[in-house]
Amino acid sequence: RGGGETPELLVRWYQLSTFMSIMRVHSTKTEVPHFPWLWGAEAEVAMRKAMNLRYRFIPMLYSLAHHQYTSFEAMFHPLLYFWPEDPHAQVATDQWFVGRHLMVAPMLSVFPPWRQVYLPPGLWHHFNPGTAAIQGPHTLTLNDVPRAEAEVA
């Protein structure tokens, strides 16, 4: 698998691309194509969940694209766009906003199976129901994030 892809890493790429303006999954002619069903049942389920979540976000992405066209405001923002004086926001390079209200902090690697997410000042709600709101500023540690779940905060 030339590029070192594993089912776990490919799942994380699918989850990351869920929140991009264009979702593309490339592969080469000489390697195993990045079709979900070719990477095992567990990976297939996780990639399907990521694609289903993507379809739920398409109306939002279209609205943001139209807003960008009419207002010249970008669809995606780094944390420092909203908190320019916050030193943690200034160095957060692996999490961003889609629009003004959805923060994305993807798992970018397989190991370690955890990551830290900085929550700037404000009240933060997890995308998935049943999770208590968190008052920022706060650094949240996501442990053992299952690959079958795209974490959305």
N, C-alpha and C. Protein backbone atom coordinates (compact mmCIF):
# COMPACT_ATOMS: atom_id res chain seq x y z
N ARG A 1 0.84 -1.18 0.00
CA ARG A 1 0.00 0.00 0.00
C ARG A 1 0.88 1.24 0.00
N GLY A 2 1.69 1.39 -0.96
CA GLY A 2 2.66 2.44 -1.18
C GLY A 2 2.76 3.58 -0.20
N GLY A 3 1.68 4.33 0.05
CA GLY A 3 1.75 5.50 0.89
C GLY A 3 1.67 5.20 2.37
N GLY A 4 1.64 3.95 2.76
CA GLY A 4 1.59 3.59 4.17
C GLY A 4 0.20 3.67 4.77
N GLU A 5 -0.83 3.68 3.91
CA GLU A 5 -2.19 3.75 4.43
C GLU A 5 -2.54 2.48 5.19
N THR A 6 -3.26 2.67 6.25
CA THR A 6 -3.83 1.57 7.00
C THR A 6 -5.33 1.84 7.06
N PRO A 7 -6.14 0.85 7.37
CA PRO A 7 -7.57 1.13 7.51
C PRO A 7 -7.84 2.23 8.54
N GLU A 8 -7.10 2.23 9.63
CA GLU A 8 -7.30 3.24 10.67
C GLU A 8 -7.00 4.64 10.17
N LEU A 9 -5.90 4.79 9.45
CA LEU A 9 -5.52 6.11 8.94
C LEU A 9 -6.48 6.57 7.85
N LEU A 10 -6.90 5.67 7.00
CA LEU A 10 -7.85 6.03 5.94
C LEU A 10 -9.18 6.48 6.54
N VAL A 11 -9.62 5.84 7.60
CA VAL A 11 -10.84 6.27 8.29
C VAL A 11 -10.67 7.69 8.79
N ARG A 12 -9.54 8.00 9.40
CA ARG A 12 -9.30 9.35 9.90
C ARG A 12 -9.29 10.36 8.76
N TRP A 13 -8.77 9.99 7.59
CA TRP A 13 -8.79 10.90 6.44
C TRP A 13 -10.22 11.16 5.99
N TYR A 14 -11.03 10.12 5.95
CA TYR A 14 -12.44 10.30 5.60
C TYR A 14 -13.11 11.24 6.59
N GLN A 15 -12.85 11.03 7.88
CA GLN A 15 -13.47 11.88 8.89
C GLN A 15 -13.01 13.33 8.75
N LEU A 16 -11.75 13.54 8.48
CA LEU A 16 -11.24 14.89 8.27
C LEU A 16 -11.92 15.54 7.07
N SER A 17 -12.01 14.83 5.97
CA SER A 17 -12.56 15.42 4.75
C SER A 17 -14.06 15.69 4.84
N THR A 18 -14.72 15.11 5.84
CA THR A 18 -16.13 15.39 6.06
C THR A 18 -16.36 16.88 6.22
N PHE A 19 -15.40 17.59 6.80
CA PHE A 19 -15.57 19.00 7.13
C PHE A 19 -14.79 19.94 6.22
N MET A 20 -14.39 19.45 5.07
CA MET A 20 -13.71 20.29 4.07
C MET A 20 -14.73 20.74 3.03
N SER A 21 -14.39 21.78 2.28
CA SER A 21 -15.33 22.27 1.27
C SER A 21 -15.51 21.26 0.14
N ILE A 22 -14.48 20.50 -0.15
CA ILE A 22 -14.57 19.46 -1.18
C ILE A 22 -14.07 18.16 -0.55
N MET A 23 -14.86 17.10 -0.68
CA MET A 23 -14.46 15.80 -0.12
C MET A 23 -13.96 14.93 -1.27
N ARG A 24 -12.69 14.64 -1.23
CA ARG A 24 -12.08 13.78 -2.25
C ARG A 24 -11.20 12.75 -1.56
N VAL A 25 -11.22 11.57 -2.09
CA VAL A 25 -10.36 10.51 -1.59
C VAL A 25 -9.61 9.95 -2.79
N HIS A 26 -8.34 10.24 -2.87
CA HIS A 26 -7.52 9.84 -4.01
C HIS A 26 -6.75 8.56 -3.71
N SER A 27 -6.48 7.82 -4.77
CA SER A 27 -5.58 6.67 -4.69
C SER A 27 -4.89 6.56 -6.05
N THR A 28 -3.88 5.71 -6.11
CA THR A 28 -3.14 5.55 -7.36
C THR A 28 -3.54 4.23 -8.02
N LYS A 29 -3.19 4.10 -9.27
CA LYS A 29 -3.53 2.89 -10.02
C LYS A 29 -2.81 1.65 -9.50
N THR A 30 -1.67 1.85 -8.88
CA THR A 30 -0.86 0.71 -8.45
C THR A 30 -1.13 0.29 -7.01
N GLU A 31 -1.99 1.00 -6.31
CA GLU A 31 -2.27 0.70 -4.90
C GLU A 31 -3.73 0.30 -4.73
N VAL A 32 -4.05 -0.19 -3.55
CA VAL A 32 -5.44 -0.55 -3.24
C VAL A 32 -6.27 0.73 -3.26
N PRO A 33 -7.33 0.78 -4.08
CA PRO A 33 -8.17 1.98 -4.12
C PRO A 33 -8.76 2.28 -2.74
N HIS A 34 -9.05 3.52 -2.51
CA HIS A 34 -9.55 3.96 -1.21
C HIS A 34 -11.06 3.84 -1.10
N PHE A 35 -11.61 2.82 -1.72
CA PHE A 35 -13.04 2.54 -1.59
C PHE A 35 -13.26 1.87 -0.23
N PRO A 36 -14.27 2.31 0.51
CA PRO A 36 -14.47 1.79 1.87
C PRO A 36 -14.55 0.27 1.96
N TRP A 37 -15.23 -0.38 1.05
CA TRP A 37 -15.44 -1.82 1.15
C TRP A 37 -14.17 -2.64 0.92
N LEU A 38 -13.10 -2.01 0.49
CA LEU A 38 -11.84 -2.73 0.27
C LEU A 38 -10.92 -2.74 1.49
N TRP A 39 -11.35 -2.10 2.60
CA TRP A 39 -10.47 -1.93 3.74
C TRP A 39 -10.96 -2.64 5.00
N GLY A 40 -11.89 -3.56 4.84
CA GLY A 40 -12.39 -4.33 5.98
C GLY A 40 -13.73 -3.79 6.46
N ALA A 41 -14.50 -4.65 7.10
CA ALA A 41 -15.86 -4.31 7.51
C ALA A 41 -15.90 -3.16 8.51
N GLU A 42 -15.00 -3.17 9.50
CA GLU A 42 -15.01 -2.12 10.51
C GLU A 42 -14.69 -0.76 9.89
N ALA A 43 -13.67 -0.72 9.03
CA ALA A 43 -13.31 0.53 8.36
C ALA A 43 -14.43 0.98 7.43
N GLU A 44 -15.06 0.04 6.76
CA GLU A 44 -16.16 0.39 5.87
C GLU A 44 -17.30 1.07 6.63
N VAL A 45 -17.66 0.53 7.78
CA VAL A 45 -18.72 1.13 8.60
C VAL A 45 -18.33 2.54 9.03
N ALA A 46 -17.10 2.71 9.47
CA ALA A 46 -16.64 4.02 9.94
C ALA A 46 -16.61 5.04 8.79
N MET A 47 -16.14 4.62 7.62
CA MET A 47 -16.11 5.52 6.47
C MET A 47 -17.52 5.87 6.01
N ARG A 48 -18.43 4.91 6.07
CA ARG A 48 -19.83 5.18 5.72
C ARG A 48 -20.42 6.21 6.68
N LYS A 49 -20.13 6.08 7.97
CA LYS A 49 -20.62 7.06 8.95
C LYS A 49 -20.09 8.45 8.63
N ALA A 50 -18.82 8.54 8.26
CA ALA A 50 -18.23 9.83 7.91
C ALA A 50 -18.92 10.42 6.68
N MET A 51 -19.19 9.58 5.68
CA MET A 51 -19.86 10.08 4.48
C MET A 51 -21.31 10.47 4.76
N ASN A 52 -21.99 9.73 5.61
CA ASN A 52 -23.35 10.10 5.98
C ASN A 52 -23.38 11.43 6.74
N LEU A 53 -22.40 11.63 7.61
CA LEU A 53 -22.30 12.91 8.32
C LEU A 53 -22.03 14.03 7.32
N ARG A 54 -21.21 13.77 6.35
CA ARG A 54 -20.91 14.76 5.31
C ARG A 54 -22.20 15.18 4.60
N TYR A 55 -23.03 14.22 4.25
CA TYR A 55 -24.29 14.56 3.57
C TYR A 55 -25.19 15.42 4.45
N ARG A 56 -25.15 15.22 5.75
CA ARG A 56 -25.92 16.06 6.67
C ARG A 56 -25.40 17.50 6.68
N PHE A 57 -24.12 17.69 6.41
CA PHE A 57 -23.52 19.02 6.43
C PHE A 57 -23.57 19.75 5.09
N ILE A 58 -23.96 19.08 4.03
CA ILE A 58 -23.95 19.73 2.72
C ILE A 58 -24.79 21.00 2.68
N PRO A 59 -26.01 21.04 3.23
CA PRO A 59 -26.75 22.31 3.21
C PRO A 59 -25.99 23.45 3.91
N MET A 60 -25.35 23.14 5.01
CA MET A 60 -24.57 24.17 5.71
C MET A 60 -23.41 24.65 4.84
N LEU A 61 -22.72 23.72 4.19
CA LEU A 61 -21.59 24.09 3.35
C LEU A 61 -22.04 24.93 2.16
N TYR A 62 -23.17 24.59 1.56
CA TYR A 62 -23.70 25.41 0.46
C TYR A 62 -24.04 26.81 0.95
N SER A 63 -24.65 26.90 2.13
CA SER A 63 -24.99 28.21 2.69
C SER A 63 -23.73 29.03 2.97
N LEU A 64 -22.71 28.38 3.50
CA LEU A 64 -21.46 29.08 3.78
C LEU A 64 -20.76 29.51 2.49
N ALA A 65 -20.84 28.69 1.46
CA ALA A 65 -20.25 29.06 0.17
C ALA A 65 -20.96 30.29 -0.41
N HIS A 66 -22.28 30.32 -0.30
CA HIS A 66 -23.02 31.48 -0.77
C HIS A 66 -22.68 32.72 0.06
N HIS A 67 -22.59 32.55 1.37
CA HIS A 67 -22.21 33.66 2.24
C HIS A 67 -20.81 34.18 1.88
N GLN A 68 -19.91 33.26 1.60
CA GLN A 68 -18.55 33.66 1.21
C GLN A 68 -18.61 34.46 -0.09
N TYR A 69 -19.42 34.04 -1.03
CA TYR A 69 -19.54 34.72 -2.31
C TYR A 69 -20.10 36.13 -2.14
N THR A 70 -21.10 36.28 -1.27
CA THR A 70 -21.76 37.58 -1.14
C THR A 70 -21.06 38.53 -0.15
N SER A 71 -20.36 37.98 0.84
CA SER A 71 -19.77 38.84 1.88
C SER A 71 -18.25 38.85 1.86
N PHE A 72 -17.65 37.94 1.10
CA PHE A 72 -16.20 37.78 1.05
C PHE A 72 -15.61 37.32 2.38
N GLU A 73 -16.45 36.73 3.23
CA GLU A 73 -15.96 36.15 4.48
C GLU A 73 -15.69 34.67 4.24
N ALA A 74 -14.54 34.21 4.64
CA ALA A 74 -14.14 32.83 4.40
C ALA A 74 -15.09 31.84 5.09
N MET A 75 -15.18 30.65 4.51
CA MET A 75 -16.00 29.58 5.08
C MET A 75 -15.34 28.99 6.32
N PHE A 76 -14.01 28.99 6.35
CA PHE A 76 -13.25 28.35 7.41
C PHE A 76 -12.40 29.40 8.11
N HIS A 77 -12.30 29.26 9.43
CA HIS A 77 -11.55 30.23 10.22
C HIS A 77 -10.67 29.52 11.23
N PRO A 78 -9.43 29.99 11.41
CA PRO A 78 -8.64 29.48 12.53
C PRO A 78 -9.19 30.08 13.82
N LEU A 79 -8.87 29.47 14.94
CA LEU A 79 -9.37 29.97 16.22
C LEU A 79 -8.97 31.42 16.46
N LEU A 80 -7.77 31.81 16.02
CA LEU A 80 -7.32 33.16 16.30
C LEU A 80 -8.15 34.21 15.57
N TYR A 81 -8.93 33.83 14.58
CA TYR A 81 -9.83 34.76 13.90
C TYR A 81 -10.83 35.36 14.89
N PHE A 82 -11.31 34.53 15.81
CA PHE A 82 -12.30 34.98 16.78
C PHE A 82 -11.67 35.39 18.12
N TRP A 83 -10.50 34.83 18.44
CA TRP A 83 -9.80 35.12 19.70
C TRP A 83 -8.36 35.52 19.40
N PRO A 84 -8.15 36.69 18.79
CA PRO A 84 -6.79 37.06 18.37
C PRO A 84 -5.81 37.30 19.53
N GLU A 85 -6.32 37.59 20.71
CA GLU A 85 -5.45 37.85 21.86
C GLU A 85 -5.17 36.60 22.68
N ASP A 86 -5.84 35.51 22.37
CA ASP A 86 -5.70 34.27 23.15
C ASP A 86 -4.45 33.52 22.68
N PRO A 87 -3.45 33.36 23.54
CA PRO A 87 -2.21 32.68 23.11
C PRO A 87 -2.43 31.23 22.69
N HIS A 88 -3.41 30.55 23.27
CA HIS A 88 -3.70 29.16 22.86
C HIS A 88 -4.33 29.13 21.46
N ALA A 89 -5.20 30.08 21.19
CA ALA A 89 -5.83 30.16 19.87
C ALA A 89 -4.81 30.52 18.79
N GLN A 90 -3.81 31.28 19.17
CA GLN A 90 -2.79 31.70 18.20
C GLN A 90 -1.96 30.54 17.69
N VAL A 91 -1.82 29.48 18.48
CA VAL A 91 -0.97 28.36 18.08
C VAL A 91 -1.77 27.10 17.72
N ALA A 92 -3.08 27.18 17.75
CA ALA A 92 -3.91 26.02 17.42
C ALA A 92 -3.96 25.86 15.90
N THR A 93 -3.19 24.94 15.38
CA THR A 93 -3.11 24.75 13.92
C THR A 93 -3.83 23.50 13.44
N ASP A 94 -4.39 22.71 14.35
CA ASP A 94 -5.03 21.47 13.95
C ASP A 94 -6.51 21.43 14.35
N GLN A 95 -7.09 22.60 14.53
CA GLN A 95 -8.53 22.71 14.76
C GLN A 95 -8.97 24.06 14.20
N TRP A 96 -10.20 24.13 13.73
CA TRP A 96 -10.67 25.33 13.06
C TRP A 96 -12.19 25.38 13.11
N PHE A 97 -12.74 26.48 12.63
CA PHE A 97 -14.18 26.64 12.55
C PHE A 97 -14.66 26.48 11.12
N VAL A 98 -15.77 25.79 10.97
CA VAL A 98 -16.52 25.77 9.73
C VAL A 98 -17.65 26.76 9.97
N GLY A 99 -17.61 27.88 9.27
CA GLY A 99 -18.53 28.96 9.57
C GLY A 99 -18.14 29.59 10.90
N ARG A 100 -19.14 30.08 11.63
CA ARG A 100 -18.86 30.74 12.91
C ARG A 100 -19.22 29.89 14.12
N HIS A 101 -19.83 28.71 13.88
CA HIS A 101 -20.40 28.00 15.02
C HIS A 101 -19.98 26.54 15.16
N LEU A 102 -19.21 26.01 14.23
CA LEU A 102 -18.83 24.60 14.31
C LEU A 102 -17.31 24.49 14.35
N MET A 103 -16.78 24.03 15.49
CA MET A 103 -15.35 23.82 15.60
C MET A 103 -15.04 22.37 15.24
N VAL A 104 -14.01 22.21 14.42
CA VAL A 104 -13.56 20.88 14.01
C VAL A 104 -12.16 20.67 14.56
N ALA A 105 -11.96 19.53 15.20
CA ALA A 105 -10.65 19.15 15.73
C ALA A 105 -10.44 17.68 15.41
N PRO A 106 -10.01 17.38 14.19
CA PRO A 106 -9.94 15.97 13.77
C PRO A 106 -8.77 15.22 14.38
N MET A 107 -8.93 13.91 14.42
CA MET A 107 -7.82 13.02 14.76
C MET A 107 -6.96 12.94 13.50
N LEU A 108 -5.73 13.39 13.58
CA LEU A 108 -4.87 13.44 12.41
C LEU A 108 -3.89 12.27 12.32
N SER A 109 -3.88 11.44 13.34
CA SER A 109 -3.00 10.28 13.32
C SER A 109 -3.69 9.14 14.05
N VAL A 110 -3.14 7.97 13.90
CA VAL A 110 -3.70 6.80 14.55
C VAL A 110 -3.13 6.65 15.96
N PHE A 111 -1.84 6.92 16.10
CA PHE A 111 -1.19 6.82 17.40
C PHE A 111 -0.54 8.16 17.73
N PRO A 112 -0.78 8.71 18.89
CA PRO A 112 -1.55 8.13 19.98
C PRO A 112 -3.04 8.21 19.70
N PRO A 113 -3.84 7.34 20.33
CA PRO A 113 -5.29 7.32 20.08
C PRO A 113 -6.05 8.37 20.90
N TRP A 114 -5.43 9.51 21.11
CA TRP A 114 -6.05 10.59 21.86
C TRP A 114 -5.57 11.91 21.27
N ARG A 115 -6.25 12.97 21.64
CA ARG A 115 -5.80 14.30 21.25
C ARG A 115 -6.36 15.32 22.21
N GLN A 116 -5.73 16.47 22.24
CA GLN A 116 -6.22 17.57 23.05
C GLN A 116 -6.89 18.59 22.15
N VAL A 117 -7.98 19.16 22.66
CA VAL A 117 -8.74 20.17 21.94
C VAL A 117 -8.85 21.38 22.84
N TYR A 118 -8.43 22.52 22.33
CA TYR A 118 -8.55 23.75 23.10
C TYR A 118 -9.91 24.38 22.85
N LEU A 119 -10.63 24.67 23.92
CA LEU A 119 -11.92 25.34 23.85
C LEU A 119 -11.74 26.76 24.37
N PRO A 120 -11.83 27.76 23.50
CA PRO A 120 -11.68 29.15 23.93
C PRO A 120 -12.81 29.58 24.87
N PRO A 121 -12.76 30.80 25.38
CA PRO A 121 -13.81 31.28 26.28
C PRO A 121 -15.20 31.13 25.66
N GLY A 122 -16.14 30.71 26.47
CA GLY A 122 -17.51 30.54 26.01
C GLY A 122 -18.06 29.21 26.49
N LEU A 123 -19.30 28.96 26.18
CA LEU A 123 -19.94 27.70 26.53
C LEU A 123 -19.95 26.80 25.30
N TRP A 124 -19.38 25.60 25.43
CA TRP A 124 -19.19 24.68 24.31
C TRP A 124 -20.08 23.46 24.47
N HIS A 125 -20.74 23.10 23.39
CA HIS A 125 -21.63 21.94 23.37
C HIS A 125 -21.06 20.91 22.41
N HIS A 126 -21.06 19.66 22.82
CA HIS A 126 -20.64 18.58 21.95
C HIS A 126 -21.70 18.38 20.88
N PHE A 127 -21.28 18.06 19.69
CA PHE A 127 -22.21 17.85 18.57
C PHE A 127 -23.17 16.70 18.85
N ASN A 128 -22.65 15.63 19.43
CA ASN A 128 -23.48 14.47 19.72
C ASN A 128 -24.25 14.71 21.02
N PRO A 129 -25.55 14.42 21.03
CA PRO A 129 -26.36 14.70 22.22
C PRO A 129 -25.95 13.84 23.42
N GLY A 130 -26.35 14.31 24.61
CA GLY A 130 -26.09 13.55 25.82
C GLY A 130 -24.78 13.88 26.50
N THR A 131 -24.07 14.88 25.99
CA THR A 131 -22.81 15.28 26.58
C THR A 131 -22.98 16.65 27.21
N ALA A 132 -22.49 16.82 28.41
CA ALA A 132 -22.63 18.09 29.12
C ALA A 132 -21.84 19.20 28.43
N ALA A 133 -22.35 20.41 28.51
CA ALA A 133 -21.65 21.57 27.98
C ALA A 133 -20.41 21.84 28.84
N ILE A 134 -19.40 22.44 28.22
CA ILE A 134 -18.15 22.75 28.91
C ILE A 134 -17.89 24.24 28.79
N GLN A 135 -17.55 24.84 29.91
CA GLN A 135 -17.23 26.27 29.93
C GLN A 135 -15.75 26.46 29.60
N GLY A 136 -15.46 27.25 28.58
CA GLY A 136 -14.09 27.55 28.22
C GLY A 136 -13.64 28.84 28.88
N PRO A 137 -12.35 29.11 28.94
CA PRO A 137 -11.34 28.31 28.27
C PRO A 137 -11.05 27.01 29.00
N HIS A 138 -10.80 25.99 28.20
CA HIS A 138 -10.57 24.66 28.75
C HIS A 138 -9.85 23.82 27.69
N THR A 139 -8.94 22.99 28.12
CA THR A 139 -8.31 22.04 27.21
C THR A 139 -8.91 20.68 27.49
N LEU A 140 -9.53 20.15 26.49
CA LEU A 140 -10.24 18.88 26.59
C LEU A 140 -9.35 17.79 26.02
N THR A 141 -9.23 16.67 26.73
CA THR A 141 -8.49 15.52 26.22
C THR A 141 -9.48 14.46 25.80
N LEU A 142 -9.42 14.11 24.52
CA LEU A 142 -10.28 13.04 23.99
C LEU A 142 -9.45 11.76 23.98
N ASN A 143 -9.81 10.82 24.83
CA ASN A 143 -9.07 9.56 24.95
C ASN A 143 -9.73 8.45 24.15
N ASP A 144 -8.92 7.65 23.51
CA ASP A 144 -9.39 6.47 22.80
C ASP A 144 -10.61 6.78 21.94
N VAL A 145 -10.48 7.79 21.09
CA VAL A 145 -11.57 8.15 20.20
C VAL A 145 -11.79 6.98 19.23
N PRO A 146 -12.96 6.35 19.29
CA PRO A 146 -13.18 5.21 18.40
C PRO A 146 -13.21 5.65 16.96
N ARG A 147 -12.61 4.84 16.11
CA ARG A 147 -12.56 5.25 14.72
C ARG A 147 -13.93 5.21 14.06
N ALA A 148 -14.87 4.52 14.65
CA ALA A 148 -16.19 4.46 14.08
C ALA A 148 -16.98 5.74 14.35
N GLU A 149 -16.43 6.62 15.16
CA GLU A 149 -17.14 7.86 15.49
C GLU A 149 -16.31 9.05 15.03
N ALA A 150 -16.92 9.92 14.28
CA ALA A 150 -16.29 11.19 13.96
C ALA A 150 -16.64 12.13 15.09
N GLU A 151 -15.67 12.49 15.88
CA GLU A 151 -15.90 13.38 17.01
C GLU A 151 -16.15 14.79 16.50
N VAL A 152 -17.23 15.38 16.91
CA VAL A 152 -17.56 16.75 16.55
C VAL A 152 -17.84 17.50 17.83
N ALA A 153 -17.08 18.57 18.08
CA ALA A 153 -17.30 19.38 19.28
C ALA A 153 -17.85 20.73 18.89
